[in-house]
C-alpha cells in the first residue's frame, strides 16, 4: 500500500474543494483519501491529506523463496479447526467471486452459522485465463480489502484460497496487514495456521 501526503495551503479554514481532492485522487490513482492535520503557518492554513493507492507487487525469485523457507520456524504446529478461537466479529469484508449459485449458498450458510456475520464490503481480483496458481493476480483489490479490514477492524472472509495459497505474495500481504481472516471452503485457513500452510507451499515449489 502506498501513502502519499498532499498539502493544500489556503488563507481560510474553509474545506478544500472536492474537485481539487478528486483531481489529486485521480492523479495518484488513489482509492481512498482523508484529512490528516490542519496547521497554521504564518497567515496561512496548511491542510494535509493522505491519499492511499495500491502497489504493484514484485514477482518472487527462486532465491527469495529459499530465503523465505529458511526463515520459517522449525517447530510449526497446526491448529485443528475445532480449536480455532471463536470469532468475535459482527462484520466482514468479503474477498472472492460469488457469481456461482453454489458459492452463494455456501456463503449464506457460513454467515448464518457464524453469528450471522454481515458483509460490509466486497472485493474480487480478476484472474486471467492462464492463472493456475494465483501468480497472475495483481492483488489490487485484496490490498483494498486488507486496508479496510485493518482500518475498520473487520474480519476478512475469503470465498476460496485454492489458487491464492500457491503464491508467496499472498502470504506477504496477509503478514503485512496482520488482520484476522477465515475462508468459507477451507476451515483451517486462519492466522494460527498461516505459517504452516506457507511452509508446505514453499516446500512444494522448491522441490519441483
N, C-alpha and C. Protein backbone atom coordinates (compact mmCIF):
# COMPACT_ATOMS: atom_id res chain seq x y z
N UNK A 1 0.84 -1.18 0.00
CA UNK A 1 0.00 0.00 0.00
C UNK A 1 0.88 1.25 0.00
N UNK A 2 0.56 2.20 -0.85
CA UNK A 2 1.34 3.43 -0.93
C UNK A 2 0.52 4.59 -0.36
N UNK A 3 1.15 5.36 0.52
CA UNK A 3 0.50 6.53 1.11
C UNK A 3 1.23 7.78 0.65
N UNK A 4 0.48 8.73 0.08
CA UNK A 4 1.05 9.99 -0.38
C UNK A 4 0.36 11.13 0.35
N UNK A 5 1.14 12.01 0.96
CA UNK A 5 0.58 13.16 1.68
C UNK A 5 0.68 14.40 0.81
N UNK A 6 -0.44 15.08 0.62
CA UNK A 6 -0.50 16.30 -0.20
C UNK A 6 -0.90 17.46 0.70
N UNK A 7 -0.19 18.58 0.57
CA UNK A 7 -0.51 19.78 1.34
C UNK A 7 -1.29 20.78 0.49
N UNK A 8 -2.35 21.31 1.08
CA UNK A 8 -3.13 22.38 0.45
C UNK A 8 -2.97 23.62 1.33
N UNK A 9 -2.46 24.70 0.77
CA UNK A 9 -2.23 25.93 1.53
C UNK A 9 -3.30 26.95 1.15
N UNK A 10 -4.05 27.42 2.16
CA UNK A 10 -5.15 28.36 1.92
C UNK A 10 -5.07 29.52 2.92
N UNK A 11 -5.92 30.51 2.66
CA UNK A 11 -5.99 31.67 3.56
C UNK A 11 -7.10 31.53 4.58
N UNK A 12 -7.95 30.51 4.43
CA UNK A 12 -9.10 30.34 5.32
C UNK A 12 -9.17 28.89 5.82
N UNK A 13 -10.10 28.67 6.75
CA UNK A 13 -10.32 27.31 7.27
C UNK A 13 -11.45 26.60 6.52
N UNK A 14 -11.84 27.16 5.39
CA UNK A 14 -12.89 26.52 4.60
C UNK A 14 -12.39 25.19 4.05
N UNK A 15 -13.32 24.24 3.89
CA UNK A 15 -12.95 22.92 3.37
C UNK A 15 -12.31 23.02 2.00
N UNK A 16 -11.39 22.12 1.74
CA UNK A 16 -10.76 22.05 0.41
C UNK A 16 -11.83 21.62 -0.59
N UNK A 17 -11.94 22.30 -1.74
CA UNK A 17 -12.95 21.92 -2.75
C UNK A 17 -12.84 20.45 -3.15
N UNK A 18 -13.98 19.80 -3.27
CA UNK A 18 -14.00 18.38 -3.63
C UNK A 18 -13.33 18.14 -4.98
N UNK A 19 -13.50 19.09 -5.90
CA UNK A 19 -12.91 18.93 -7.23
C UNK A 19 -11.38 18.83 -7.14
N UNK A 20 -10.79 19.63 -6.26
CA UNK A 20 -9.34 19.59 -6.08
C UNK A 20 -8.89 18.26 -5.50
N UNK A 21 -9.67 17.75 -4.54
CA UNK A 21 -9.35 16.45 -3.95
C UNK A 21 -9.48 15.33 -4.98
N UNK A 22 -10.54 15.39 -5.78
CA UNK A 22 -10.76 14.37 -6.81
C UNK A 22 -9.66 14.39 -7.86
N UNK A 23 -9.17 15.58 -8.19
CA UNK A 23 -8.09 15.70 -9.18
C UNK A 23 -6.84 14.97 -8.69
N UNK A 24 -6.49 15.20 -7.43
CA UNK A 24 -5.31 14.52 -6.89
C UNK A 24 -5.55 13.03 -6.71
N UNK A 25 -6.78 12.67 -6.41
CA UNK A 25 -7.12 11.26 -6.26
C UNK A 25 -6.90 10.52 -7.58
N UNK A 26 -7.34 11.15 -8.67
CA UNK A 26 -7.14 10.54 -10.00
C UNK A 26 -5.66 10.52 -10.37
N UNK A 27 -4.98 11.62 -10.09
CA UNK A 27 -3.55 11.73 -10.45
C UNK A 27 -2.71 10.67 -9.74
N UNK A 28 -3.07 10.39 -8.49
CA UNK A 28 -2.30 9.44 -7.69
C UNK A 28 -2.86 8.03 -7.75
N UNK A 29 -3.95 7.85 -8.54
CA UNK A 29 -4.62 6.55 -8.64
C UNK A 29 -5.02 6.04 -7.26
N UNK A 30 -5.49 6.96 -6.42
CA UNK A 30 -5.86 6.62 -5.04
C UNK A 30 -7.30 6.12 -4.97
N UNK A 31 -7.55 5.15 -4.11
CA UNK A 31 -8.91 4.64 -3.90
C UNK A 31 -9.51 5.20 -2.61
N UNK A 32 -8.66 5.86 -1.78
CA UNK A 32 -9.15 6.40 -0.51
C UNK A 32 -8.31 7.62 -0.14
N UNK A 33 -8.97 8.63 0.44
CA UNK A 33 -8.25 9.81 0.92
C UNK A 33 -8.89 10.30 2.20
N UNK A 34 -8.10 10.98 3.02
CA UNK A 34 -8.61 11.53 4.27
C UNK A 34 -7.76 12.70 4.71
N UNK A 35 -8.40 13.60 5.46
CA UNK A 35 -7.67 14.73 6.02
C UNK A 35 -6.92 14.26 7.26
N UNK A 36 -5.62 14.58 7.32
CA UNK A 36 -4.82 14.17 8.46
C UNK A 36 -4.68 15.28 9.50
N UNK A 37 -4.22 16.45 9.08
CA UNK A 37 -4.00 17.54 10.02
C UNK A 37 -4.28 18.89 9.36
N UNK A 38 -4.47 19.90 10.22
CA UNK A 38 -4.54 21.30 9.79
C UNK A 38 -3.52 22.07 10.63
N UNK A 39 -2.67 22.82 9.97
CA UNK A 39 -1.60 23.54 10.68
C UNK A 39 -1.60 25.00 10.25
N UNK A 40 -1.42 25.89 11.22
CA UNK A 40 -1.31 27.32 10.90
C UNK A 40 0.15 27.64 10.63
N UNK A 41 0.42 28.19 9.49
CA UNK A 41 1.78 28.54 9.09
C UNK A 41 1.80 30.00 8.68
N UNK A 42 2.22 30.86 9.60
CA UNK A 42 2.17 32.29 9.34
C UNK A 42 0.72 32.75 9.24
N UNK A 43 0.38 33.35 8.10
CA UNK A 43 -1.00 33.81 7.89
C UNK A 43 -1.82 32.78 7.11
N UNK A 44 -1.22 31.63 6.83
CA UNK A 44 -1.90 30.61 6.02
C UNK A 44 -2.25 29.38 6.86
N UNK A 45 -3.16 28.59 6.29
CA UNK A 45 -3.53 27.31 6.89
C UNK A 45 -3.10 26.19 5.94
N UNK A 46 -2.47 25.18 6.51
CA UNK A 46 -1.98 24.06 5.70
C UNK A 46 -2.81 22.82 6.03
N UNK A 47 -3.55 22.35 5.03
CA UNK A 47 -4.35 21.12 5.16
C UNK A 47 -3.53 19.96 4.60
N UNK A 48 -3.33 18.94 5.41
CA UNK A 48 -2.62 17.76 4.92
C UNK A 48 -3.62 16.63 4.68
N UNK A 49 -3.62 16.12 3.46
CA UNK A 49 -4.48 15.00 3.09
C UNK A 49 -3.63 13.80 2.71
N UNK A 50 -4.04 12.64 3.19
CA UNK A 50 -3.36 11.39 2.83
C UNK A 50 -4.14 10.68 1.74
N UNK A 51 -3.44 10.25 0.70
CA UNK A 51 -4.05 9.51 -0.41
C UNK A 51 -3.44 8.11 -0.43
N UNK A 52 -4.30 7.11 -0.50
CA UNK A 52 -3.85 5.71 -0.47
C UNK A 52 -4.08 5.05 -1.82
N UNK A 53 -3.06 4.41 -2.33
CA UNK A 53 -3.16 3.69 -3.61
C UNK A 53 -2.48 2.33 -3.48
N UNK A 54 -2.91 1.40 -4.31
CA UNK A 54 -2.33 0.05 -4.26
C UNK A 54 -1.01 0.04 -5.01
N UNK A 55 -0.17 -0.92 -4.65
CA UNK A 55 1.14 -1.05 -5.28
C UNK A 55 1.22 -2.32 -6.12
N UNK A 56 2.05 -2.27 -7.15
CA UNK A 56 2.29 -3.46 -7.95
C UNK A 56 3.28 -4.34 -7.21
N UNK A 57 2.89 -5.59 -6.99
CA UNK A 57 3.73 -6.50 -6.21
C UNK A 57 4.80 -7.14 -7.08
N UNK A 58 5.99 -7.27 -6.51
CA UNK A 58 7.09 -7.90 -7.24
C UNK A 58 6.91 -9.41 -7.28
N UNK A 59 7.25 -9.99 -8.40
CA UNK A 59 7.21 -11.45 -8.50
C UNK A 59 8.42 -12.05 -7.79
N UNK A 60 8.22 -13.16 -7.09
CA UNK A 60 9.33 -13.76 -6.33
C UNK A 60 10.35 -14.43 -7.24
N UNK A 61 11.59 -14.50 -6.77
CA UNK A 61 12.63 -15.25 -7.46
C UNK A 61 12.88 -16.54 -6.68
N UNK A 62 13.57 -17.48 -7.30
CA UNK A 62 13.91 -18.73 -6.61
C UNK A 62 14.72 -18.44 -5.35
N UNK A 63 15.61 -17.47 -5.45
CA UNK A 63 16.45 -17.12 -4.31
C UNK A 63 15.61 -16.56 -3.16
N UNK A 64 14.63 -15.71 -3.49
CA UNK A 64 13.79 -15.13 -2.44
C UNK A 64 12.91 -16.18 -1.78
N UNK A 65 12.49 -17.20 -2.55
CA UNK A 65 11.69 -18.29 -1.98
C UNK A 65 12.53 -19.12 -1.01
N UNK A 66 13.78 -19.39 -1.38
CA UNK A 66 14.69 -20.11 -0.47
C UNK A 66 14.89 -19.32 0.83
N UNK A 67 15.02 -18.02 0.69
CA UNK A 67 15.22 -17.17 1.87
C UNK A 67 14.00 -17.24 2.79
N UNK A 68 12.81 -17.17 2.19
CA UNK A 68 11.57 -17.27 2.98
C UNK A 68 11.49 -18.62 3.69
N UNK A 69 11.85 -19.67 2.98
CA UNK A 69 11.78 -21.03 3.54
C UNK A 69 12.74 -21.19 4.72
N UNK A 70 13.94 -20.66 4.57
CA UNK A 70 14.95 -20.80 5.63
C UNK A 70 14.61 -19.96 6.86
N UNK A 71 13.76 -18.97 6.69
CA UNK A 71 13.39 -18.11 7.82
C UNK A 71 12.25 -18.70 8.64
N UNK A 72 11.61 -19.76 8.14
CA UNK A 72 10.47 -20.35 8.85
C UNK A 72 10.92 -21.03 10.14
N UNK A 73 10.06 -20.96 11.13
CA UNK A 73 10.33 -21.62 12.41
C UNK A 73 10.27 -23.13 12.21
N UNK A 74 11.16 -23.88 12.87
CA UNK A 74 11.25 -25.33 12.66
C UNK A 74 10.23 -26.13 13.46
N UNK A 75 9.55 -25.50 14.42
CA UNK A 75 8.60 -26.25 15.25
C UNK A 75 7.16 -25.79 15.04
N UNK A 76 6.80 -25.55 13.79
CA UNK A 76 5.43 -25.13 13.47
C UNK A 76 4.45 -26.25 13.77
N UNK A 77 3.31 -25.88 14.32
CA UNK A 77 2.26 -26.85 14.62
C UNK A 77 0.93 -26.36 14.06
N UNK A 78 0.10 -27.31 13.66
CA UNK A 78 -1.21 -26.93 13.14
C UNK A 78 -2.21 -26.81 14.27
N UNK A 79 -3.21 -25.97 14.05
CA UNK A 79 -4.31 -25.81 14.99
C UNK A 79 -5.55 -26.41 14.35
N UNK A 80 -6.15 -27.46 14.93
CA UNK A 80 -7.36 -28.06 14.36
C UNK A 80 -8.47 -27.02 14.25
N UNK A 81 -9.32 -27.17 13.24
CA UNK A 81 -10.37 -26.18 13.01
C UNK A 81 -11.28 -26.02 14.23
N UNK A 82 -11.47 -27.11 14.98
CA UNK A 82 -12.34 -27.05 16.16
C UNK A 82 -11.74 -26.27 17.31
N UNK A 83 -10.42 -26.05 17.25
CA UNK A 83 -9.74 -25.34 18.33
C UNK A 83 -9.41 -23.89 17.98
N UNK A 84 -9.76 -23.49 16.76
CA UNK A 84 -9.51 -22.12 16.36
C UNK A 84 -10.43 -21.20 17.16
N UNK A 85 -9.87 -20.12 17.67
CA UNK A 85 -10.62 -19.22 18.55
C UNK A 85 -11.91 -18.75 17.89
N UNK A 86 -12.97 -18.71 18.70
CA UNK A 86 -14.26 -18.25 18.19
C UNK A 86 -14.16 -16.82 17.69
N UNK A 87 -14.86 -16.56 16.62
CA UNK A 87 -14.84 -15.22 16.05
C UNK A 87 -15.68 -14.27 16.89
N UNK A 88 -15.12 -13.11 17.17
CA UNK A 88 -15.84 -12.09 17.93
C UNK A 88 -16.26 -10.95 17.01
N UNK A 89 -16.41 -11.26 15.75
CA UNK A 89 -16.73 -10.23 14.78
C UNK A 89 -18.21 -10.26 14.41
N UNK A 90 -18.72 -9.10 14.03
CA UNK A 90 -20.08 -9.00 13.51
C UNK A 90 -20.07 -8.64 12.02
N UNK A 91 -18.98 -8.02 11.59
CA UNK A 91 -18.89 -7.52 10.22
C UNK A 91 -17.67 -8.11 9.51
N UNK A 92 -17.83 -8.34 8.21
CA UNK A 92 -16.74 -8.89 7.42
C UNK A 92 -16.56 -8.11 6.13
N UNK A 93 -15.35 -8.19 5.61
CA UNK A 93 -15.05 -7.76 4.25
C UNK A 93 -14.88 -9.04 3.45
N UNK A 94 -15.64 -9.17 2.39
CA UNK A 94 -15.63 -10.40 1.59
C UNK A 94 -14.66 -10.26 0.43
N UNK A 95 -13.90 -11.34 0.18
CA UNK A 95 -12.99 -11.34 -0.96
C UNK A 95 -13.20 -12.62 -1.77
N UNK A 96 -13.51 -12.44 -3.06
CA UNK A 96 -13.67 -13.59 -3.93
C UNK A 96 -14.87 -13.46 -4.84
N UNK A 97 -14.97 -14.40 -5.76
CA UNK A 97 -16.03 -14.41 -6.77
C UNK A 97 -17.26 -15.13 -6.23
N UNK A 98 -18.40 -14.43 -6.21
CA UNK A 98 -19.64 -15.02 -5.69
C UNK A 98 -20.69 -15.19 -6.78
N UNK A 99 -20.27 -15.25 -8.04
CA UNK A 99 -21.23 -15.32 -9.14
C UNK A 99 -21.94 -16.67 -9.23
N UNK A 100 -21.34 -17.71 -8.71
CA UNK A 100 -21.94 -19.05 -8.78
C UNK A 100 -23.03 -19.22 -7.72
N UNK A 101 -24.21 -19.76 -8.10
CA UNK A 101 -25.28 -20.01 -7.13
C UNK A 101 -24.82 -20.94 -6.00
N UNK A 102 -23.99 -21.93 -6.32
CA UNK A 102 -23.49 -22.85 -5.30
C UNK A 102 -22.62 -22.12 -4.28
N UNK A 103 -21.80 -21.20 -4.77
CA UNK A 103 -20.95 -20.41 -3.88
C UNK A 103 -21.81 -19.51 -3.00
N UNK A 104 -22.82 -18.90 -3.59
CA UNK A 104 -23.72 -18.04 -2.82
C UNK A 104 -24.41 -18.81 -1.70
N UNK A 105 -24.80 -20.03 -2.00
CA UNK A 105 -25.47 -20.86 -0.99
C UNK A 105 -24.51 -21.20 0.15
N UNK A 106 -23.27 -21.59 -0.19
CA UNK A 106 -22.28 -21.91 0.84
C UNK A 106 -21.96 -20.68 1.70
N UNK A 107 -21.89 -19.53 1.04
CA UNK A 107 -21.59 -18.29 1.75
C UNK A 107 -22.70 -17.95 2.73
N UNK A 108 -23.94 -18.05 2.29
CA UNK A 108 -25.09 -17.76 3.16
C UNK A 108 -25.09 -18.66 4.38
N UNK A 109 -24.84 -19.94 4.16
CA UNK A 109 -24.79 -20.91 5.27
C UNK A 109 -23.67 -20.56 6.24
N UNK A 110 -22.52 -20.19 5.70
CA UNK A 110 -21.37 -19.85 6.55
C UNK A 110 -21.68 -18.63 7.42
N UNK A 111 -22.25 -17.60 6.81
CA UNK A 111 -22.56 -16.38 7.56
C UNK A 111 -23.54 -16.64 8.68
N UNK A 112 -24.57 -17.43 8.38
CA UNK A 112 -25.59 -17.74 9.39
C UNK A 112 -25.01 -18.60 10.51
N UNK A 113 -24.13 -19.52 10.15
CA UNK A 113 -23.54 -20.44 11.12
C UNK A 113 -22.56 -19.73 12.07
N UNK A 114 -22.04 -18.61 11.64
CA UNK A 114 -21.05 -17.88 12.43
C UNK A 114 -21.59 -16.53 12.89
N UNK A 115 -22.51 -16.59 13.80
CA UNK A 115 -23.06 -15.39 14.45
C UNK A 115 -23.73 -14.42 13.49
N UNK A 116 -24.27 -14.95 12.39
CA UNK A 116 -24.98 -14.10 11.41
C UNK A 116 -24.11 -12.91 10.98
N UNK A 117 -22.91 -13.23 10.56
CA UNK A 117 -21.98 -12.19 10.11
C UNK A 117 -22.58 -11.36 8.98
N UNK A 118 -22.25 -10.08 8.96
CA UNK A 118 -22.77 -9.17 7.94
C UNK A 118 -21.64 -8.69 7.04
N UNK A 119 -21.88 -8.75 5.73
CA UNK A 119 -20.89 -8.30 4.75
C UNK A 119 -21.00 -6.79 4.59
N UNK A 120 -19.91 -6.08 4.86
CA UNK A 120 -19.90 -4.63 4.73
C UNK A 120 -19.31 -4.17 3.40
N UNK A 121 -18.31 -4.89 2.90
CA UNK A 121 -17.66 -4.56 1.63
C UNK A 121 -17.28 -5.84 0.92
N UNK A 122 -17.22 -5.79 -0.41
CA UNK A 122 -16.83 -6.96 -1.20
C UNK A 122 -15.78 -6.57 -2.23
N UNK A 123 -14.80 -7.43 -2.41
CA UNK A 123 -13.73 -7.20 -3.38
C UNK A 123 -13.41 -8.50 -4.11
N UNK A 124 -12.94 -8.37 -5.34
CA UNK A 124 -12.56 -9.56 -6.11
C UNK A 124 -11.56 -9.16 -7.18
N UNK A 125 -10.40 -9.78 -7.19
CA UNK A 125 -9.42 -9.56 -8.25
C UNK A 125 -9.74 -10.46 -9.42
N UNK A 126 -9.65 -9.92 -10.62
CA UNK A 126 -9.90 -10.71 -11.82
C UNK A 126 -8.73 -11.64 -12.09
N UNK A 127 -9.03 -12.88 -12.39
CA UNK A 127 -7.99 -13.85 -12.72
C UNK A 127 -7.91 -14.01 -14.23
N UNK A 128 -6.70 -14.13 -14.76
CA UNK A 128 -6.54 -14.36 -16.19
C UNK A 128 -6.81 -15.82 -16.51
N UNK A 129 -7.07 -16.10 -17.77
CA UNK A 129 -7.39 -17.47 -18.18
C UNK A 129 -6.22 -18.41 -17.96
N UNK A 130 -4.99 -17.86 -17.94
CA UNK A 130 -3.81 -18.72 -17.74
C UNK A 130 -3.54 -18.96 -16.27
N UNK A 131 -4.26 -18.28 -15.40
CA UNK A 131 -3.95 -18.34 -13.97
C UNK A 131 -4.21 -19.72 -13.40
N UNK A 132 -3.17 -20.35 -12.91
CA UNK A 132 -3.28 -21.68 -12.30
C UNK A 132 -2.91 -21.66 -10.82
N UNK A 133 -2.02 -20.75 -10.43
CA UNK A 133 -1.53 -20.76 -9.05
C UNK A 133 -1.67 -19.41 -8.36
N UNK A 134 -2.45 -18.51 -8.91
CA UNK A 134 -2.62 -17.21 -8.29
C UNK A 134 -1.55 -16.21 -8.68
N UNK A 135 -0.50 -16.64 -9.40
CA UNK A 135 0.63 -15.77 -9.67
C UNK A 135 0.34 -14.73 -10.76
N UNK A 136 -0.79 -14.85 -11.46
CA UNK A 136 -1.16 -13.84 -12.45
C UNK A 136 -2.17 -12.85 -11.89
N UNK A 137 -2.41 -12.92 -10.59
CA UNK A 137 -3.33 -11.98 -9.94
C UNK A 137 -2.53 -10.78 -9.45
N UNK A 138 -3.06 -9.57 -9.69
CA UNK A 138 -2.35 -8.35 -9.30
C UNK A 138 -2.56 -8.02 -7.83
N UNK A 139 -3.62 -8.52 -7.23
CA UNK A 139 -3.94 -8.29 -5.81
C UNK A 139 -4.27 -6.85 -5.47
N UNK A 140 -4.67 -6.06 -6.47
CA UNK A 140 -5.05 -4.68 -6.18
C UNK A 140 -6.28 -4.64 -5.27
N UNK A 141 -7.27 -5.48 -5.57
CA UNK A 141 -8.50 -5.50 -4.76
C UNK A 141 -8.26 -6.11 -3.38
N UNK A 142 -7.36 -7.08 -3.30
CA UNK A 142 -7.04 -7.66 -1.98
C UNK A 142 -6.36 -6.62 -1.10
N UNK A 143 -5.51 -5.79 -1.68
CA UNK A 143 -4.87 -4.73 -0.90
C UNK A 143 -5.92 -3.79 -0.33
N UNK A 144 -6.94 -3.48 -1.11
CA UNK A 144 -8.02 -2.61 -0.63
C UNK A 144 -8.80 -3.30 0.49
N UNK A 145 -9.09 -4.58 0.30
CA UNK A 145 -9.83 -5.33 1.31
C UNK A 145 -9.07 -5.35 2.64
N UNK A 146 -7.78 -5.60 2.58
CA UNK A 146 -6.95 -5.62 3.78
C UNK A 146 -6.88 -4.24 4.44
N UNK A 147 -6.81 -3.21 3.62
CA UNK A 147 -6.78 -1.84 4.13
C UNK A 147 -8.02 -1.54 4.97
N UNK A 148 -9.19 -1.87 4.43
CA UNK A 148 -10.44 -1.58 5.14
C UNK A 148 -10.61 -2.48 6.37
N UNK A 149 -10.15 -3.72 6.28
CA UNK A 149 -10.23 -4.61 7.44
C UNK A 149 -9.42 -4.05 8.61
N UNK A 150 -8.23 -3.59 8.31
CA UNK A 150 -7.38 -3.05 9.36
C UNK A 150 -7.94 -1.75 9.91
N UNK A 151 -8.48 -0.94 9.02
CA UNK A 151 -9.00 0.38 9.42
C UNK A 151 -10.28 0.26 10.24
N UNK A 152 -11.16 -0.64 9.82
CA UNK A 152 -12.47 -0.78 10.47
C UNK A 152 -12.52 -1.90 11.49
N UNK A 153 -11.40 -2.67 11.59
CA UNK A 153 -11.35 -3.84 12.48
C UNK A 153 -12.42 -4.87 12.10
N UNK A 154 -12.51 -5.14 10.80
CA UNK A 154 -13.41 -6.16 10.28
C UNK A 154 -12.65 -7.46 10.07
N UNK A 155 -13.40 -8.54 9.98
CA UNK A 155 -12.83 -9.84 9.62
C UNK A 155 -12.74 -9.93 8.10
N UNK A 156 -11.66 -10.49 7.59
CA UNK A 156 -11.53 -10.72 6.15
C UNK A 156 -11.97 -12.15 5.86
N UNK A 157 -12.98 -12.28 5.02
CA UNK A 157 -13.53 -13.60 4.70
C UNK A 157 -13.28 -13.92 3.24
N UNK A 158 -12.55 -15.00 3.00
CA UNK A 158 -12.27 -15.45 1.64
C UNK A 158 -13.32 -16.46 1.20
N UNK A 159 -13.74 -16.36 -0.06
CA UNK A 159 -14.62 -17.38 -0.63
C UNK A 159 -13.84 -18.67 -0.81
N UNK A 160 -12.64 -18.54 -1.36
CA UNK A 160 -11.75 -19.69 -1.56
C UNK A 160 -10.32 -19.18 -1.65
N UNK A 161 -9.38 -20.03 -1.23
CA UNK A 161 -7.96 -19.67 -1.33
C UNK A 161 -7.19 -20.73 -2.12
N UNK A 162 -7.91 -21.49 -2.91
CA UNK A 162 -7.32 -22.64 -3.61
C UNK A 162 -6.10 -22.24 -4.44
N UNK A 163 -6.23 -21.18 -5.25
CA UNK A 163 -5.10 -20.72 -6.06
C UNK A 163 -4.20 -19.76 -5.29
N UNK A 164 -4.80 -18.98 -4.41
CA UNK A 164 -4.05 -17.94 -3.72
C UNK A 164 -2.91 -18.49 -2.86
N UNK A 165 -3.14 -19.63 -2.22
CA UNK A 165 -2.12 -20.16 -1.30
C UNK A 165 -0.90 -20.72 -2.02
N UNK A 166 -0.90 -20.68 -3.35
CA UNK A 166 0.27 -21.10 -4.12
C UNK A 166 1.20 -19.94 -4.45
N UNK A 167 0.85 -18.74 -3.98
CA UNK A 167 1.60 -17.53 -4.34
C UNK A 167 2.17 -16.88 -3.08
N UNK A 168 3.49 -16.75 -3.00
CA UNK A 168 4.15 -16.19 -1.82
C UNK A 168 3.70 -14.76 -1.56
N UNK A 169 3.33 -14.02 -2.60
CA UNK A 169 2.92 -12.63 -2.42
C UNK A 169 1.64 -12.54 -1.59
N UNK A 170 0.80 -13.55 -1.71
CA UNK A 170 -0.43 -13.62 -0.93
C UNK A 170 -0.11 -13.66 0.56
N UNK A 171 0.84 -14.51 0.95
CA UNK A 171 1.26 -14.62 2.35
C UNK A 171 1.89 -13.31 2.83
N UNK A 172 2.68 -12.69 1.97
CA UNK A 172 3.34 -11.44 2.34
C UNK A 172 2.32 -10.36 2.68
N UNK A 173 1.25 -10.29 1.89
CA UNK A 173 0.22 -9.29 2.16
C UNK A 173 -0.49 -9.56 3.48
N UNK A 174 -0.83 -10.82 3.73
CA UNK A 174 -1.51 -11.17 4.98
C UNK A 174 -0.62 -10.89 6.18
N UNK A 175 0.66 -11.15 6.06
CA UNK A 175 1.59 -10.87 7.16
C UNK A 175 1.80 -9.38 7.37
N UNK A 176 1.72 -8.62 6.29
CA UNK A 176 1.94 -7.17 6.39
C UNK A 176 0.80 -6.48 7.15
N UNK A 177 -0.43 -6.90 6.89
CA UNK A 177 -1.57 -6.18 7.47
C UNK A 177 -2.02 -6.72 8.82
N UNK A 178 -1.68 -7.95 9.15
CA UNK A 178 -1.98 -8.50 10.47
C UNK A 178 -3.46 -8.37 10.84
N UNK A 179 -4.35 -8.77 9.96
CA UNK A 179 -5.77 -8.79 10.28
C UNK A 179 -6.22 -10.24 10.42
N UNK A 180 -7.35 -10.45 11.06
CA UNK A 180 -7.90 -11.80 11.19
C UNK A 180 -8.62 -12.19 9.90
N UNK A 181 -8.56 -13.47 9.56
CA UNK A 181 -9.21 -13.92 8.33
C UNK A 181 -9.68 -15.35 8.48
N UNK A 182 -10.65 -15.70 7.66
CA UNK A 182 -11.19 -17.05 7.58
C UNK A 182 -11.51 -17.33 6.11
N UNK A 183 -11.84 -18.60 5.83
CA UNK A 183 -12.18 -18.99 4.46
C UNK A 183 -13.40 -19.90 4.48
N UNK A 184 -14.34 -19.63 3.58
CA UNK A 184 -15.60 -20.38 3.54
C UNK A 184 -15.36 -21.86 3.28
N UNK A 185 -14.49 -22.20 2.32
CA UNK A 185 -14.33 -23.61 1.94
C UNK A 185 -13.06 -24.26 2.50
N UNK A 186 -12.36 -23.58 3.42
CA UNK A 186 -11.13 -24.14 4.00
C UNK A 186 -11.06 -23.72 5.47
N UNK A 187 -11.71 -24.47 6.37
CA UNK A 187 -11.84 -24.07 7.77
C UNK A 187 -10.52 -23.97 8.54
N UNK A 188 -9.44 -24.55 8.02
CA UNK A 188 -8.14 -24.48 8.69
C UNK A 188 -7.38 -23.19 8.36
N UNK A 189 -7.92 -22.43 7.40
CA UNK A 189 -7.20 -21.23 6.96
C UNK A 189 -7.48 -20.08 7.92
N UNK A 190 -6.47 -19.78 8.74
CA UNK A 190 -6.58 -18.70 9.72
C UNK A 190 -5.16 -18.26 10.07
N UNK A 191 -5.04 -17.21 10.83
CA UNK A 191 -3.71 -16.71 11.16
C UNK A 191 -2.87 -17.73 11.92
N UNK A 192 -3.54 -18.53 12.77
CA UNK A 192 -2.81 -19.53 13.56
C UNK A 192 -2.09 -20.56 12.69
N UNK A 193 -2.65 -20.87 11.51
CA UNK A 193 -2.07 -21.90 10.65
C UNK A 193 -1.34 -21.35 9.43
N UNK A 194 -1.26 -20.03 9.32
CA UNK A 194 -0.74 -19.43 8.09
C UNK A 194 0.70 -19.85 7.80
N UNK A 195 1.57 -19.83 8.81
CA UNK A 195 2.98 -20.14 8.58
C UNK A 195 3.18 -21.60 8.18
N UNK A 196 2.37 -22.49 8.73
CA UNK A 196 2.50 -23.90 8.37
C UNK A 196 2.05 -24.13 6.93
N UNK A 197 0.96 -23.50 6.53
CA UNK A 197 0.48 -23.61 5.15
C UNK A 197 1.52 -23.02 4.20
N UNK A 198 2.12 -21.93 4.60
CA UNK A 198 3.17 -21.30 3.80
C UNK A 198 4.38 -22.23 3.66
N UNK A 199 4.73 -22.93 4.73
CA UNK A 199 5.87 -23.85 4.70
C UNK A 199 5.63 -24.97 3.70
N UNK A 200 4.42 -25.52 3.68
CA UNK A 200 4.09 -26.60 2.74
C UNK A 200 4.18 -26.09 1.30
N UNK A 201 3.65 -24.89 1.06
CA UNK A 201 3.69 -24.32 -0.28
C UNK A 201 5.13 -24.12 -0.75
N UNK A 202 5.98 -23.56 0.12
CA UNK A 202 7.37 -23.33 -0.25
C UNK A 202 8.11 -24.64 -0.50
N UNK A 203 7.83 -25.64 0.32
CA UNK A 203 8.47 -26.95 0.15
C UNK A 203 8.13 -27.53 -1.22
N UNK A 204 6.86 -27.44 -1.60
CA UNK A 204 6.43 -27.97 -2.91
C UNK A 204 7.09 -27.20 -4.05
N UNK A 205 7.14 -25.88 -3.94
CA UNK A 205 7.72 -25.07 -5.01
C UNK A 205 9.22 -25.31 -5.17
N UNK A 206 9.91 -25.41 -4.05
CA UNK A 206 11.37 -25.55 -4.10
C UNK A 206 11.80 -26.98 -4.42
N UNK A 207 10.87 -27.92 -4.30
CA UNK A 207 11.19 -29.32 -4.60
C UNK A 207 10.90 -29.67 -6.05
N UNK A 208 10.17 -28.80 -6.73
CA UNK A 208 9.76 -29.11 -8.11
C UNK A 208 10.83 -28.67 -9.11
